[in-house]
Protein backbone atom coordinates (compact mmCIF):
# COMPACT_ATOMS: atom_id res chain seq x y z
CA MET A 1 24.26 -33.99 -54.72
CA GLN A 2 22.24 -33.71 -57.97
CA LEU A 3 19.34 -32.45 -56.03
CA LEU A 4 21.46 -29.86 -54.35
CA LYS A 5 22.84 -28.74 -57.64
CA PHE A 6 19.30 -28.40 -59.05
CA MET A 7 18.31 -26.32 -56.02
CA LYS A 8 21.43 -24.10 -56.15
CA GLU A 9 20.74 -20.40 -56.32
CA GLU A 10 22.91 -18.13 -58.46
CA ASP A 11 24.04 -16.02 -55.42
CA GLN A 12 25.44 -18.99 -53.49
CA GLU A 13 28.73 -20.51 -54.34
CA GLU A 14 28.57 -23.81 -52.51
CA CYS A 15 25.82 -26.35 -52.79
CA ALA A 16 26.48 -27.43 -49.17
CA GLN A 17 25.10 -24.10 -47.88
CA LEU A 18 21.74 -25.02 -49.22
CA ALA A 19 21.26 -27.48 -46.36
CA SER A 20 21.98 -24.86 -43.68
CA VAL A 21 20.04 -24.36 -40.49
CA SER A 22 18.38 -21.21 -41.84
CA HIS A 23 17.19 -23.01 -44.97
CA ILE A 24 15.84 -25.81 -42.84
CA ASP A 25 14.07 -23.33 -40.53
CA THR A 26 12.51 -21.46 -43.47
CA ALA A 27 11.31 -24.66 -45.01
CA THR A 28 9.84 -25.74 -41.63
CA TRP A 29 8.10 -22.37 -41.36
CA HIS A 30 6.51 -22.86 -44.75
CA ILE A 31 5.49 -26.40 -44.00
CA ARG A 32 3.96 -25.30 -40.72
CA ARG A 33 1.83 -22.69 -42.53
CA LEU A 34 0.84 -25.28 -45.28
CA ALA A 35 -0.25 -27.86 -42.48
CA LEU A 36 -2.33 -25.16 -40.80
CA ALA A 37 -3.92 -24.13 -44.17
CA LEU A 38 -4.83 -27.68 -45.00
CA HIS A 39 -6.20 -28.33 -41.47
CA LEU A 40 -8.29 -25.21 -41.61
CA ALA A 41 -9.71 -26.13 -45.06
CA LEU A 42 -10.71 -29.57 -43.78
CA LEU A 43 -12.29 -27.99 -40.64
CA VAL A 44 -14.29 -25.65 -42.87
CA ALA A 45 -15.54 -28.53 -44.97
CA PHE A 46 -16.37 -30.68 -41.94
CA PRO A 47 -19.66 -29.03 -40.99
CA GLN A 48 -20.98 -29.41 -44.48
CA TRP A 49 -20.70 -33.26 -44.05
CA LEU A 50 -22.64 -33.23 -40.77
CA SER A 51 -26.48 -33.35 -40.43
CA GLU A 52 -28.17 -30.06 -39.83
CA GLU A 53 -28.65 -30.78 -36.13
CA ASN A 54 -24.95 -31.72 -35.76
CA GLN A 55 -23.89 -28.68 -37.68
CA LYS A 56 -25.62 -26.44 -35.13
CA ALA A 57 -24.09 -28.36 -32.16
CA TYR A 58 -20.65 -28.28 -33.85
CA LEU A 59 -20.69 -24.49 -34.53
CA ALA A 60 -22.00 -23.76 -31.01
CA ASP A 61 -19.23 -25.93 -29.54
CA MET A 62 -16.66 -24.09 -31.69
CA GLU A 63 -17.85 -20.75 -30.35
CA ASN A 64 -18.23 -21.72 -26.67
CA ASP A 65 -15.99 -24.65 -25.77
CA THR A 66 -12.27 -24.91 -25.21
CA PRO A 67 -10.03 -26.67 -27.92
CA LYS A 68 -9.64 -29.65 -25.51
CA GLN A 69 -13.40 -30.00 -25.13
CA ASN A 70 -13.87 -29.72 -28.90
CA ALA A 71 -11.28 -32.38 -29.47
CA GLU A 72 -13.03 -34.74 -27.09
CA ASN A 73 -16.45 -34.02 -28.55
CA TRP A 74 -15.66 -34.06 -32.29
CA SER A 75 -12.36 -35.86 -33.03
CA ALA A 76 -13.99 -39.28 -33.66
CA THR A 77 -16.53 -37.74 -35.98
CA PHE A 78 -13.83 -35.69 -37.69
CA GLU A 79 -11.80 -38.82 -38.27
CA LYS A 80 -14.91 -40.54 -39.79
CA PHE A 81 -15.28 -37.50 -42.08
CA LEU A 82 -11.68 -37.77 -43.21
CA MET A 83 -12.07 -41.59 -43.80
CA HIS A 84 -15.32 -41.02 -45.75
CA GLY A 85 -13.80 -38.30 -47.86
CA CYS A 86 -10.68 -40.32 -48.60
CA LYS A 87 -12.88 -43.21 -49.87
CA GLN A 88 -14.82 -40.81 -52.11
CA ASN A 89 -12.13 -38.59 -53.70
CA ALA A 90 -8.44 -39.02 -54.51
CA THR A 91 -7.76 -35.27 -54.26
CA PHE A 92 -9.26 -35.21 -50.82
CA THR A 93 -7.06 -38.18 -49.90
CA MET A 94 -4.00 -36.46 -51.17
CA HIS A 95 -4.79 -33.32 -49.08
CA VAL A 96 -5.30 -35.35 -45.97
CA ASP A 97 -2.03 -37.22 -46.49
CA MET A 98 -0.23 -33.94 -47.10
CA MET A 99 -1.72 -32.45 -43.94
CA ARG A 100 -0.68 -35.41 -41.78
CA HIS A 101 2.83 -35.50 -43.34
CA CYS A 102 3.24 -31.80 -42.79
CA ARG A 103 2.17 -32.31 -39.14
CA HIS A 104 4.90 -34.89 -38.87
CA VAL A 105 7.59 -32.44 -40.15
CA VAL A 106 6.32 -29.82 -37.74
CA ALA A 107 6.43 -32.39 -34.92
CA ILE A 108 9.99 -33.34 -35.68
CA ALA A 109 11.05 -29.69 -35.61
CA LEU A 110 9.11 -29.20 -32.33
CA SER A 111 10.89 -32.31 -30.84
CA ASP A 112 14.25 -30.68 -31.74
CA SER A 113 13.23 -27.55 -29.96
CA ILE A 114 11.90 -29.42 -26.82
CA GLY A 115 15.00 -31.65 -26.57
CA GLY A 116 15.59 -34.06 -23.65
CA VAL A 117 13.48 -37.02 -22.88
CA GLU A 118 10.20 -35.32 -23.96
CA GLY A 119 11.66 -34.31 -27.25
CA HIS A 120 13.02 -37.80 -27.78
CA SER A 121 9.68 -39.40 -27.09
CA LEU A 122 7.91 -37.05 -29.56
CA LEU A 123 10.65 -37.70 -32.20
CA MET A 124 10.19 -41.50 -31.79
CA ALA A 125 6.41 -41.34 -31.94
CA VAL A 126 6.56 -39.33 -35.16
CA VAL A 127 9.24 -41.43 -36.85
CA LYS A 128 7.34 -44.59 -36.02
CA ASP A 129 4.08 -43.12 -37.23
CA SER A 130 5.55 -42.02 -40.64
CA LEU A 131 7.21 -45.35 -41.42
CA PRO A 132 4.18 -46.91 -43.10
CA PHE A 133 3.72 -43.65 -45.13
CA SER A 134 7.35 -43.94 -46.29
CA PHE A 135 7.24 -47.56 -47.30
CA MET A 136 3.87 -47.31 -49.04
CA ASN A 137 4.92 -44.27 -51.13
CA ASN A 138 8.09 -46.08 -52.14
CA ALA A 139 10.30 -43.61 -50.34
CA SER A 140 12.80 -46.31 -49.64
CA LEU A 141 15.65 -44.03 -48.76
CA TYR A 142 13.59 -42.09 -46.23
CA ALA A 143 12.11 -45.30 -44.82
CA SER A 144 15.43 -46.89 -44.36
CA VAL A 145 16.94 -43.83 -42.78
CA CYS A 146 14.01 -43.79 -40.28
CA GLY A 147 14.55 -47.51 -39.61
CA LEU A 148 18.21 -46.85 -38.99
CA LEU A 149 17.39 -43.93 -36.77
CA LEU A 150 15.12 -46.10 -34.62
CA TYR A 151 17.69 -48.89 -34.48
CA HIS A 152 20.61 -46.63 -33.45
CA TYR A 153 18.50 -44.77 -30.86
CA LYS A 154 17.46 -48.11 -29.37
CA LYS A 155 21.10 -49.24 -29.14
CA ALA A 156 22.27 -45.99 -27.62
CA GLY A 157 22.57 -45.99 -23.87
CA PHE A 158 20.70 -42.82 -23.02
CA TYR A 159 17.89 -43.50 -25.48
CA THR A 160 17.52 -47.11 -24.46
CA THR A 161 16.60 -46.03 -20.91
CA ASN A 162 14.26 -43.25 -22.13
CA ALA A 163 12.51 -45.04 -25.12
């Protein structure tokens, strides 16, 4: 409640209206743009880490291949780039963590839009993937909520058969 009071705008009377669907949609929109900006920044830095020969191959692939082919060809090398950068620089690590966490938020919003079995499967994958992030960053409330979410979904009849 204190957080909602801090966020309260002068033109809104009730703090509860701050957690409305429109506010959540607006926040999700901003997070989606932030995730895209971080991802693009890392993709721009990636060729600089490659050897000259690989730079040429990467840029040629980016111009000619489909996104699926690029992912198949370069995802393992891109992950090595991210791991190397994270070992070298704390700011780089922070940006990579922010990008991944933003992608989780966008995936949760997408799972809500998809709905059904596919949406549930995406939601479970994202929640399971973000639990280590939650516990390591001492976000005990968020981690326990995710744990309870997984527990209750597993116990629910519809979700048990589709988990």
